[in-house]
């Protein structure tokens, strides 16, 4: 039986993977920085009271802690792993953790960056995207095993190198979250009555406002850490600058300037008609609901 240790397994994401690997027939143990043994009992897995011993005897060590703690934890545990084992992480930033895994994993220990593009509220990974960031020469044995397992459960697997991953996630995650949280903060500053506004909502507005609420309902610690993506600063600053450019056009009643910005953005976006059709299907589903 394959033994897996999940570091951070007492958290939401770590617990999700503890349940997943247990259902797949793995012998699962978990560890968390606050020693929450009751989580292991609830999950029906073993709590790693002797973390280092568990690291030494596990076939897979999966790191699922906050981004700012990930590299430090990898540095602590990687050297204790045995040849033939696999070191994984499931953080949303890849360049730093992958560099640490390559640096501190002993010869014969494979490494695999992993980023599930879904949260722990999802019941399973069917239809979900998982990004893998393998390392040439250090992911040969375990990459096909992990990939095949995830794909057999309906996941869509994408493979990227660490830098490209972080570049894309700076927009897909960090910028998107930043924009939604910014709208939520604006509603608060305006003292805007969100619930009252639902009486007057179009379906498009209702879907948008629910996505704002979805993000605001999440763990602020996790979402703040996602902003640590080294590529995210440029995305945020560009977004704010473009918002100010639009604001200046609107405040000056420069409607032609405003329209030009929108037209240029649409031209760069491409496929706006297809996006309209896809979003129409979502809107029709909301209306039927």
C-alpha atoms as a PDB file:
ATOM      1  CA  UNK A   1       0.000   0.000   0.000  1.00  0.00           C
ATOM      2  CA  UNK A   2       1.337   3.434  -0.966  1.00  0.00           C
ATOM      3  CA  UNK A   3       1.937   5.684   2.019  1.00  0.00           C
ATOM      4  CA  UNK A   4       1.252   9.415   1.707  1.00  0.00           C
ATOM      5  CA  UNK A   5       1.924  12.134   4.263  1.00  0.00           C
ATOM      6  CA  UNK A   6       0.024  15.395   3.797  1.00  0.00           C
ATOM      7  CA  UNK A   7       1.720  18.328   5.492  1.00  0.00           C
ATOM      8  CA  UNK A   8      -1.027  20.833   6.155  1.00  0.00           C
ATOM      9  CA  UNK A   9      -3.547  18.002   6.017  1.00  0.00           C
ATOM     10  CA  UNK A  10      -5.567  19.588   8.820  1.00  0.00           C
ATOM     11  CA  UNK A  11      -6.445  22.568   6.601  1.00  0.00           C
ATOM     12  CA  UNK A  12      -9.295  22.653   4.097  1.00  0.00           C
ATOM     13  CA  UNK A  13      -7.298  21.785   0.962  1.00  0.00           C
ATOM     14  CA  UNK A  14      -5.094  19.279   2.756  1.00  0.00           C
ATOM     15  CA  UNK A  15      -8.155  17.572   4.246  1.00  0.00           C
ATOM     16  CA  UNK A  16      -9.729  17.376   0.779  1.00  0.00           C
ATOM     17  CA  UNK A  17      -6.685  15.506  -0.531  1.00  0.00           C
ATOM     18  CA  UNK A  18      -6.566  13.321   2.577  1.00  0.00           C
ATOM     19  CA  UNK A  19     -10.100  12.135   1.807  1.00  0.00           C
ATOM     20  CA  UNK A  20      -9.255  11.743  -1.877  1.00  0.00           C
ATOM     21  CA  UNK A  21      -6.160   9.599  -1.369  1.00  0.00           C
ATOM     22  CA  UNK A  22      -7.858   7.553   1.337  1.00  0.00           C
ATOM     23  CA  UNK A  23     -10.663   6.724  -1.102  1.00  0.00           C
ATOM     24  CA  UNK A  24      -7.997   5.727  -3.653  1.00  0.00           C
ATOM     25  CA  UNK A  25      -6.656   3.124  -1.220  1.00  0.00           C
ATOM     26  CA  UNK A  26      -3.574   4.989   0.031  1.00  0.00           C
ATOM     27  CA  UNK A  27      -2.387   4.758   3.624  1.00  0.00           C
ATOM     28  CA  UNK A  28      -2.816   8.403   4.635  1.00  0.00           C
ATOM     29  CA  UNK A  29      -1.274  10.350   7.491  1.00  0.00           C
ATOM     30  CA  UNK A  30      -1.604  14.082   8.051  1.00  0.00           C
ATOM     31  CA  UNK A  31       0.240  16.760   9.967  1.00  0.00           C
ATOM     32  CA  UNK A  32      -0.580  20.377  10.716  1.00  0.00           C
ATOM     33  CA  UNK A  33       1.303  23.189  12.458  1.00  0.00           C
ATOM     34  CA  UNK A  34      -1.364  23.502  15.173  1.00  0.00           C
ATOM     35  CA  UNK A  35      -1.504  19.821  16.067  1.00  0.00           C
ATOM     36  CA  UNK A  36      -5.205  19.350  15.340  1.00  0.00           C
ATOM     37  CA  UNK A  37      -5.386  15.608  15.973  1.00  0.00           C
ATOM     38  CA  UNK A  38      -9.201  15.753  15.938  1.00  0.00           C
ATOM     39  CA  UNK A  39      -9.136  16.469  12.177  1.00  0.00           C
ATOM     40  CA  UNK A  40      -7.309  13.191  11.554  1.00  0.00           C
ATOM     41  CA  UNK A  41      -9.833  11.368  13.727  1.00  0.00           C
ATOM     42  CA  UNK A  42     -12.712  12.901  11.804  1.00  0.00           C
ATOM     43  CA  UNK A  43     -11.124  11.944   8.475  1.00  0.00           C
ATOM     44  CA  UNK A  44     -10.302   8.439   9.661  1.00  0.00           C
ATOM     45  CA  UNK A  45      -6.572   8.774   8.988  1.00  0.00           C
ATOM     46  CA  UNK A  46      -3.476   8.774  11.174  1.00  0.00           C
ATOM     47  CA  UNK A  47      -2.037  11.958  12.663  1.00  0.00           C
ATOM     48  CA  UNK A  48       1.756  12.218  12.217  1.00  0.00           C
ATOM     49  CA  UNK A  49       2.853  12.902  15.776  1.00  0.00           C
ATOM     50  CA  UNK A  50       6.455  12.169  14.727  1.00  0.00           C
ATOM     51  CA  UNK A  51       6.606  14.234  11.550  1.00  0.00           C
ATOM     52  CA  UNK A  52      10.189  13.450  10.626  1.00  0.00           C
ATOM     53  CA  UNK A  53       9.687   9.694  10.979  1.00  0.00           C
ATOM     54  CA  UNK A  54       6.599   9.905   8.769  1.00  0.00           C
ATOM     55  CA  UNK A  55       8.590  11.856   6.167  1.00  0.00           C
ATOM     56  CA  UNK A  56      11.299   9.190   6.134  1.00  0.00           C
ATOM     57  CA  UNK A  57       8.854   6.304   5.667  1.00  0.00           C
ATOM     58  CA  UNK A  58       6.312   7.860   3.264  1.00  0.00           C
ATOM     59  CA  UNK A  59       6.235   7.148  -0.467  1.00  0.00           C
ATOM     60  CA  UNK A  60       4.670  10.559  -1.175  1.00  0.00           C
ATOM     61  CA  UNK A  61       4.955  13.768   0.834  1.00  0.00           C
ATOM     62  CA  UNK A  62       2.407  16.373  -0.223  1.00  0.00           C
ATOM     63  CA  UNK A  63       2.886  19.946   1.023  1.00  0.00           C
ATOM     64  CA  UNK A  64      -0.375  21.862   1.482  1.00  0.00           C
ATOM     65  CA  UNK A  65       0.393  24.873   3.669  1.00  0.00           C
ATOM     66  CA  UNK A  66       0.172  28.621   3.091  1.00  0.00           C
ATOM     67  CA  UNK A  67       2.446  29.955   0.363  1.00  0.00           C
ATOM     68  CA  UNK A  68       4.661  31.893   2.771  1.00  0.00           C
ATOM     69  CA  UNK A  69       5.330  28.699   4.754  1.00  0.00           C
ATOM     70  CA  UNK A  70       5.813  26.334   1.809  1.00  0.00           C
ATOM     71  CA  UNK A  71       9.489  26.872   0.942  1.00  0.00           C
ATOM     72  CA  UNK A  72      10.560  26.732   4.594  1.00  0.00           C
ATOM     73  CA  UNK A  73       8.681  23.461   5.122  1.00  0.00           C
ATOM     74  CA  UNK A  74      10.141  21.931   1.962  1.00  0.00           C
ATOM     75  CA  UNK A  75      13.625  22.849   3.193  1.00  0.00           C
ATOM     76  CA  UNK A  76      12.908  21.120   6.522  1.00  0.00           C
ATOM     77  CA  UNK A  77      11.470  17.844   5.221  1.00  0.00           C
ATOM     78  CA  UNK A  78      12.899  17.182   1.743  1.00  0.00           C
ATOM     79  CA  UNK A  79      16.383  16.051   2.883  1.00  0.00           C
ATOM     80  CA  UNK A  80      14.794  13.316   5.051  1.00  0.00           C
ATOM     81  CA  UNK A  81      12.940  11.620   2.193  1.00  0.00           C
ATOM     82  CA  UNK A  82      14.073   8.278   0.814  1.00  0.00           C
ATOM     83  CA  UNK A  83      15.066   7.431  -2.752  1.00  0.00           C
ATOM     84  CA  UNK A  84      12.138   6.501  -4.968  1.00  0.00           C
ATOM     85  CA  UNK A  85       9.677   8.728  -3.117  1.00  0.00           C
ATOM     86  CA  UNK A  86       7.820  11.772  -4.435  1.00  0.00           C
ATOM     87  CA  UNK A  87       7.647  15.321  -3.066  1.00  0.00           C
ATOM     88  CA  UNK A  88       4.603  17.344  -4.216  1.00  0.00           C
ATOM     89  CA  UNK A  89       3.078  20.700  -3.394  1.00  0.00           C
ATOM     90  CA  UNK A  90      -0.406  22.080  -4.109  1.00  0.00           C
ATOM     91  CA  UNK A  91       0.242  25.812  -3.748  1.00  0.00           C
ATOM     92  CA  UNK A  92      -0.943  28.400  -6.272  1.00  0.00           C
ATOM     93  CA  UNK A  93       2.580  29.749  -6.882  1.00  0.00           C
ATOM     94  CA  UNK A  94       5.099  27.430  -8.471  1.00  0.00           C
ATOM     95  CA  UNK A  95       8.474  29.091  -9.094  1.00  0.00           C
ATOM     96  CA  UNK A  96       9.605  29.332  -5.451  1.00  0.00           C
ATOM     97  CA  UNK A  97       8.311  25.943  -4.235  1.00  0.00           C
ATOM     98  CA  UNK A  98       9.620  24.084  -7.290  1.00  0.00           C
ATOM     99  CA  UNK A  99      13.053  25.667  -6.933  1.00  0.00           C
ATOM    100  CA  UNK A 100      13.094  24.623  -3.263  1.00  0.00           C
ATOM    101  CA  UNK A 101      12.049  21.068  -4.091  1.00  0.00           C
ATOM    102  CA  UNK A 102      14.785  20.747  -6.721  1.00  0.00           C
ATOM    103  CA  UNK A 103      17.352  22.229  -4.331  1.00  0.00           C
ATOM    104  CA  UNK A 104      16.598  20.233  -1.172  1.00  0.00           C
ATOM    105  CA  UNK A 105      15.290  16.887  -2.459  1.00  0.00           C
ATOM    106  CA  UNK A 106      18.070  14.253  -2.269  1.00  0.00           C
ATOM    107  CA  UNK A 107      19.193  12.249  -5.267  1.00  0.00           C
ATOM    108  CA  UNK A 108      16.563   9.708  -6.215  1.00  0.00           C
ATOM    109  CA  UNK A 109      13.651  11.721  -4.757  1.00  0.00           C
ATOM    110  CA  UNK A 110      11.299  12.946  -7.471  1.00  0.00           C
ATOM    111  CA  UNK A 111       9.411  16.239  -7.364  1.00  0.00           C
ATOM    112  CA  UNK A 112       6.161  17.424  -8.937  1.00  0.00           C
ATOM    113  CA  UNK A 113       4.533  20.823  -8.684  1.00  0.00           C
ATOM    114  CA  UNK A 114       0.747  20.518  -8.586  1.00  0.00           C
ATOM    115  CA  UNK A 115      -1.931  23.204  -8.672  1.00  0.00           C
ATOM    116  CA  UNK A 116      -5.576  22.122  -8.418  1.00  0.00           C
ATOM    117  CA  UNK A 117      -7.678  24.865 -10.001  1.00  0.00           C
ATOM    118  CA  UNK A 118     -10.607  24.232  -7.675  1.00  0.00           C
ATOM    119  CA  UNK A 119     -11.375  24.770  -4.029  1.00  0.00           C
ATOM    120  CA  UNK A 120     -12.183  22.312  -1.242  1.00  0.00           C
ATOM    121  CA  UNK A 121     -15.930  22.926  -1.646  1.00  0.00           C
ATOM    122  CA  UNK A 122     -15.903  20.785  -4.808  1.00  0.00           C
ATOM    123  CA  UNK A 123     -17.134  17.226  -4.127  1.00  0.00           C
ATOM    124  CA  UNK A 124     -14.641  15.666  -6.546  1.00  0.00           C
ATOM    125  CA  UNK A 125     -12.231  16.573  -9.341  1.00  0.00           C
ATOM    126  CA  UNK A 126     -14.476  15.561 -12.250  1.00  0.00           C
ATOM    127  CA  UNK A 127     -14.393  18.338 -14.851  1.00  0.00           C
ATOM    128  CA  UNK A 128     -11.807  20.316 -12.882  1.00  0.00           C
ATOM    129  CA  UNK A 129      -8.423  21.508 -14.160  1.00  0.00           C
ATOM    130  CA  UNK A 130      -5.201  20.479 -12.436  1.00  0.00           C
ATOM    131  CA  UNK A 131      -1.911  22.044 -13.531  1.00  0.00           C
ATOM    132  CA  UNK A 132       1.254  19.953 -13.204  1.00  0.00           C
ATOM    133  CA  UNK A 133       4.752  21.456 -13.273  1.00  0.00           C
ATOM    134  CA  UNK A 134       7.146  18.513 -13.638  1.00  0.00           C
ATOM    135  CA  UNK A 135      10.933  18.756 -13.622  1.00  0.00           C
ATOM    136  CA  UNK A 136      12.876  17.062 -16.404  1.00  0.00           C
ATOM    137  CA  UNK A 137      14.794  14.125 -14.989  1.00  0.00           C
ATOM    138  CA  UNK A 138      13.087  14.359 -11.580  1.00  0.00           C
ATOM    139  CA  UNK A 139       9.463  13.468 -12.398  1.00  0.00           C
ATOM    140  CA  UNK A 140       9.896  10.416 -14.598  1.00  0.00           C
ATOM    141  CA  UNK A 141       8.409   7.660 -12.395  1.00  0.00           C
ATOM    142  CA  UNK A 142       5.651   9.486 -10.577  1.00  0.00           C
ATOM    143  CA  UNK A 143       4.367  11.928 -13.230  1.00  0.00           C
ATOM    144  CA  UNK A 144       2.501   9.285 -15.299  1.00  0.00           C
ATOM    145  CA  UNK A 145       1.131   7.676 -12.115  1.00  0.00           C
ATOM    146  CA  UNK A 146      -0.277  10.903 -10.692  1.00  0.00           C
ATOM    147  CA  UNK A 147      -1.494  12.111 -14.074  1.00  0.00           C
ATOM    148  CA  UNK A 148      -3.272   8.850 -14.843  1.00  0.00           C
ATOM    149  CA  UNK A 149      -4.906   8.774 -11.410  1.00  0.00           C
ATOM    150  CA  UNK A 150      -6.255  12.324 -11.672  1.00  0.00           C
ATOM    151  CA  UNK A 151      -7.418  11.806 -15.267  1.00  0.00           C
ATOM    152  CA  UNK A 152      -9.227   8.597 -14.316  1.00  0.00           C
ATOM    153  CA  UNK A 153     -11.317  10.701 -11.940  1.00  0.00           C
ATOM    154  CA  UNK A 154     -12.298  13.113 -14.707  1.00  0.00           C
ATOM    155  CA  UNK A 155      -9.739  15.873 -14.160  1.00  0.00           C
ATOM    156  CA  UNK A 156      -8.347  17.882 -17.062  1.00  0.00           C
ATOM    157  CA  UNK A 157      -4.547  17.950 -16.798  1.00  0.00           C
ATOM    158  CA  UNK A 158      -2.422  20.813 -18.117  1.00  0.00           C
ATOM    159  CA  UNK A 159       1.386  20.890 -17.989  1.00  0.00           C
ATOM    160  CA  UNK A 160       3.399  24.106 -17.628  1.00  0.00           C
ATOM    161  CA  UNK A 161       6.818  25.176 -16.462  1.00  0.00           C
ATOM    162  CA  UNK A 162       6.886  27.101 -13.189  1.00  0.00           C
ATOM    163  CA  UNK A 163       7.518  30.585 -14.600  1.00  0.00           C
ATOM    164  CA  UNK A 164       4.792  30.303 -17.232  1.00  0.00           C
ATOM    165  CA  UNK A 165       2.417  29.016 -14.586  1.00  0.00           C
ATOM    166  CA  UNK A 166       3.033  32.026 -12.353  1.00  0.00           C
ATOM    167  CA  UNK A 167       2.686  34.422 -15.302  1.00  0.00           C
ATOM    168  CA  UNK A 168      -0.729  33.032 -16.185  1.00  0.00           C
ATOM    169  CA  UNK A 169      -1.918  32.742 -12.579  1.00  0.00           C
ATOM    170  CA  UNK A 170      -1.048  36.402 -11.997  1.00  0.00           C
ATOM    171  CA  UNK A 171      -4.102  37.141 -14.160  1.00  0.00           C
ATOM    172  CA  UNK A 172      -6.286  34.022 -13.834  1.00  0.00           C
ATOM    173  CA  UNK A 173      -6.145  34.082 -10.035  1.00  0.00           C
ATOM    174  CA  UNK A 174      -4.443  37.119  -8.509  1.00  0.00           C
ATOM    175  CA  UNK A 175      -5.918  39.800 -10.786  1.00  0.00           C
ATOM    176  CA  UNK A 176      -9.388  38.229 -10.889  1.00  0.00           C
ATOM    177  CA  UNK A 177      -9.544  37.945  -7.096  1.00  0.00           C
ATOM    178  CA  UNK A 178      -8.149  41.458  -6.733  1.00  0.00           C
ATOM    179  CA  UNK A 179     -10.876  42.878  -8.985  1.00  0.00           C
ATOM    180  CA  UNK A 180     -13.711  41.045  -7.209  1.00  0.00           C
ATOM    181  CA  UNK A 181     -12.415  41.966  -3.745  1.00  0.00           C
ATOM    182  CA  UNK A 182     -12.043  45.545  -4.992  1.00  0.00           C
ATOM    183  CA  UNK A 183     -15.717  45.585  -6.023  1.00  0.00           C
ATOM    184  CA  UNK A 184     -16.668  44.178  -2.621  1.00  0.00           C
ATOM    185  CA  UNK A 185     -14.618  46.840  -0.835  1.00  0.00           C
ATOM    186  CA  UNK A 186     -16.258  49.507  -3.011  1.00  0.00           C
ATOM    187  CA  UNK A 187     -19.736  48.286  -2.046  1.00  0.00           C
ATOM    188  CA  UNK A 188     -18.691  48.579   1.597  1.00  0.00           C
ATOM    189  CA  UNK A 189     -17.265  52.096   1.165  1.00  0.00           C
ATOM    190  CA  UNK A 190     -20.420  53.228  -0.626  1.00  0.00           C
ATOM    191  CA  UNK A 191     -22.531  51.603   2.118  1.00  0.00           C
ATOM    192  CA  UNK A 192     -24.431  50.051  -0.783  1.00  0.00           C
ATOM    193  CA  UNK A 193     -27.369  47.771   0.110  1.00  0.00           C
ATOM    194  CA  UNK A 194     -26.537  44.614  -1.842  1.00  0.00           C
ATOM    195  CA  UNK A 195     -29.639  42.676  -0.764  1.00  0.00           C
ATOM    196  CA  UNK A 196     -31.999  45.521  -1.659  1.00  0.00           C
ATOM    197  CA  UNK A 197     -30.337  45.811  -5.075  1.00  0.00           C
ATOM    198  CA  UNK A 198     -31.237  42.195  -5.853  1.00  0.00           C
ATOM    199  CA  UNK A 199     -34.829  43.329  -6.427  1.00  0.00           C
ATOM    200  CA  UNK A 200     -33.651  45.329  -9.419  1.00  0.00           C
ATOM    201  CA  UNK A 201     -30.945  43.023 -10.762  1.00  0.00           C
ATOM    202  CA  UNK A 202     -30.566  41.825 -14.291  1.00  0.00           C
ATOM    203  CA  UNK A 203     -29.330  38.194 -14.439  1.00  0.00           C
ATOM    204  CA  UNK A 204     -25.879  39.458 -15.501  1.00  0.00           C
ATOM    205  CA  UNK A 205     -25.613  41.687 -12.442  1.00  0.00           C
ATOM    206  CA  UNK A 206     -26.844  38.917 -10.150  1.00  0.00           C
ATOM    207  CA  UNK A 207     -24.253  36.463 -11.471  1.00  0.00           C
ATOM    208  CA  UNK A 208     -21.490  39.057 -11.095  1.00  0.00           C
ATOM    209  CA  UNK A 209     -22.525  40.037  -7.564  1.00  0.00           C
ATOM    210  CA  UNK A 210     -22.704  36.366  -6.540  1.00  0.00           C
ATOM    211  CA  UNK A 211     -19.145  35.843  -7.751  1.00  0.00           C
ATOM    212  CA  UNK A 212     -18.066  38.811  -5.629  1.00  0.00           C
ATOM    213  CA  UNK A 213     -19.803  37.198  -2.664  1.00  0.00           C
ATOM    214  CA  UNK A 214     -18.229  33.822  -3.477  1.00  0.00           C
ATOM    215  CA  UNK A 215     -14.737  35.291  -3.247  1.00  0.00           C
ATOM    216  CA  UNK A 216     -15.563  37.282  -0.098  1.00  0.00           C
ATOM    217  CA  UNK A 217     -16.822  34.078   1.546  1.00  0.00           C
ATOM    218  CA  UNK A 218     -13.370  32.466   1.243  1.00  0.00           C
ATOM    219  CA  UNK A 219     -10.466  32.398   3.684  1.00  0.00           C
ATOM    220  CA  UNK A 220      -8.847  35.894   3.570  1.00  0.00           C
ATOM    221  CA  UNK A 221      -5.490  34.419   4.582  1.00  0.00           C
ATOM    222  CA  UNK A 222      -5.419  32.188   1.502  1.00  0.00           C
ATOM    223  CA  UNK A 223      -6.539  34.931  -0.864  1.00  0.00           C
ATOM    224  CA  UNK A 224      -4.007  37.387   0.520  1.00  0.00           C
ATOM    225  CA  UNK A 225      -1.244  34.818   0.029  1.00  0.00           C
ATOM    226  CA  UNK A 226      -2.252  34.335  -3.626  1.00  0.00           C
ATOM    227  CA  UNK A 227      -1.337  38.001  -4.161  1.00  0.00           C
ATOM    228  CA  UNK A 228       2.273  37.051  -3.287  1.00  0.00           C
ATOM    229  CA  UNK A 229       2.685  35.658  -6.804  1.00  0.00           C
ATOM    230  CA  UNK A 230       5.867  37.459  -7.973  1.00  0.00           C
ATOM    231  CA  UNK A 231       4.187  38.233 -11.314  1.00  0.00           C
ATOM    232  CA  UNK A 232       1.017  39.673  -9.750  1.00  0.00           C
ATOM    233  CA  UNK A 233       2.309  43.155  -8.907  1.00  0.00           C
ATOM    234  CA  UNK A 234       2.550  44.155 -12.560  1.00  0.00           C
ATOM    235  CA  UNK A 235      -0.957  42.808 -13.232  1.00  0.00           C
ATOM    236  CA  UNK A 236      -2.465  44.707 -10.284  1.00  0.00           C
ATOM    237  CA  UNK A 237      -0.711  47.970 -11.098  1.00  0.00           C
ATOM    238  CA  UNK A 238      -1.695  47.752 -14.767  1.00  0.00           C
ATOM    239  CA  UNK A 239      -5.305  47.091 -13.764  1.00  0.00           C
ATOM    240  CA  UNK A 240      -5.405  50.110 -11.439  1.00  0.00           C
ATOM    241  CA  UNK A 241      -3.803  52.297 -14.118  1.00  0.00           C
ATOM    242  CA  UNK A 242      -6.377  51.222 -16.716  1.00  0.00           C
ATOM    243  CA  UNK A 243      -9.214  51.814 -14.231  1.00  0.00           C
ATOM    244  CA  UNK A 244      -7.895  55.339 -13.682  1.00  0.00           C
ATOM    245  CA  UNK A 245      -7.643  55.903 -17.435  1.00  0.00           C
ATOM    246  CA  UNK A 246     -11.285  54.885 -17.854  1.00  0.00           C
ATOM    247  CA  UNK A 247     -12.267  56.985 -14.843  1.00  0.00           C
ATOM    248  CA  UNK A 248     -10.562  60.064 -16.282  1.00  0.00           C
ATOM    249  CA  UNK A 249     -12.389  59.653 -19.612  1.00  0.00           C
ATOM    250  CA  UNK A 250     -15.758  59.221 -17.878  1.00  0.00           C
ATOM    251  CA  UNK A 251     -15.213  62.073 -15.388  1.00  0.00           C
ATOM    252  CA  UNK A 252     -14.267  64.400 -18.236  1.00  0.00           C
ATOM    253  CA  UNK A 253     -17.332  63.308 -20.223  1.00  0.00           C
ATOM    254  CA  UNK A 254     -14.912  62.140 -22.902  1.00  0.00           C
ATOM    255  CA  UNK A 255     -17.253  59.488 -24.235  1.00  0.00           C
ATOM    256  CA  UNK A 256     -15.273  59.026 -27.438  1.00  0.00           C
ATOM    257  CA  UNK A 257     -12.128  58.331 -25.418  1.00  0.00           C
ATOM    258  CA  UNK A 258     -14.045  55.885 -23.219  1.00  0.00           C
ATOM    259  CA  UNK A 259     -15.462  54.089 -26.266  1.00  0.00           C
ATOM    260  CA  UNK A 260     -12.020  53.868 -27.859  1.00  0.00           C
ATOM    261  CA  UNK A 261     -10.598  52.152 -24.766  1.00  0.00           C
ATOM    262  CA  UNK A 262     -13.466  49.658 -24.855  1.00  0.00           C
ATOM    263  CA  UNK A 263     -13.067  49.033 -28.593  1.00  0.00           C
ATOM    264  CA  UNK A 264      -9.305  48.457 -28.260  1.00  0.00           C
ATOM    265  CA  UNK A 265      -9.859  46.062 -25.357  1.00  0.00           C
ATOM    266  CA  UNK A 266     -12.459  44.139 -27.361  1.00  0.00           C
ATOM    267  CA  UNK A 267     -10.115  43.866 -30.349  1.00  0.00           C
ATOM    268  CA  UNK A 268      -7.336  42.461 -28.151  1.00  0.00           C
ATOM    269  CA  UNK A 269      -9.729  40.109 -26.329  1.00  0.00           C
ATOM    270  CA  UNK A 270     -10.888  38.423 -29.517  1.00  0.00           C
ATOM    271  CA  UNK A 271     -13.807  35.994 -29.599  1.00  0.00           C
ATOM    272  CA  UNK A 272     -16.152  38.399 -27.839  1.00  0.00           C
ATOM    273  CA  UNK A 273     -19.146  36.985 -29.735  1.00  0.00           C
ATOM    274  CA  UNK A 274     -18.326  33.465 -28.545  1.00  0.00           C
ATOM    275  CA  UNK A 275     -17.964  34.809 -25.014  1.00  0.00           C
ATOM    276  CA  UNK A 276     -21.410  36.393 -25.358  1.00  0.00           C
ATOM    277  CA  UNK A 277     -22.892  33.045 -26.399  1.00  0.00           C
ATOM    278  CA  UNK A 278     -21.263  31.169 -23.512  1.00  0.00           C
ATOM    279  CA  UNK A 279     -22.379  33.763 -20.966  1.00  0.00           C
ATOM    280  CA  UNK A 280     -25.915  33.722 -22.466  1.00  0.00           C
ATOM    281  CA  UNK A 281     -26.124  30.015 -21.620  1.00  0.00           C
ATOM    282  CA  UNK A 282     -25.171  30.793 -18.019  1.00  0.00           C
ATOM    283  CA  UNK A 283     -27.750  33.597 -17.876  1.00  0.00           C
ATOM    284  CA  UNK A 284     -30.488  31.345 -19.288  1.00  0.00           C
ATOM    285  CA  UNK A 285     -29.619  28.754 -16.645  1.00  0.00           C
ATOM    286  CA  UNK A 286     -29.934  31.382 -13.915  1.00  0.00           C
ATOM    287  CA  UNK A 287     -33.318  32.528 -15.273  1.00  0.00           C
ATOM    288  CA  UNK A 288     -34.606  28.923 -15.354  1.00  0.00           C
ATOM    289  CA  UNK A 289     -33.328  28.406 -11.806  1.00  0.00           C
END
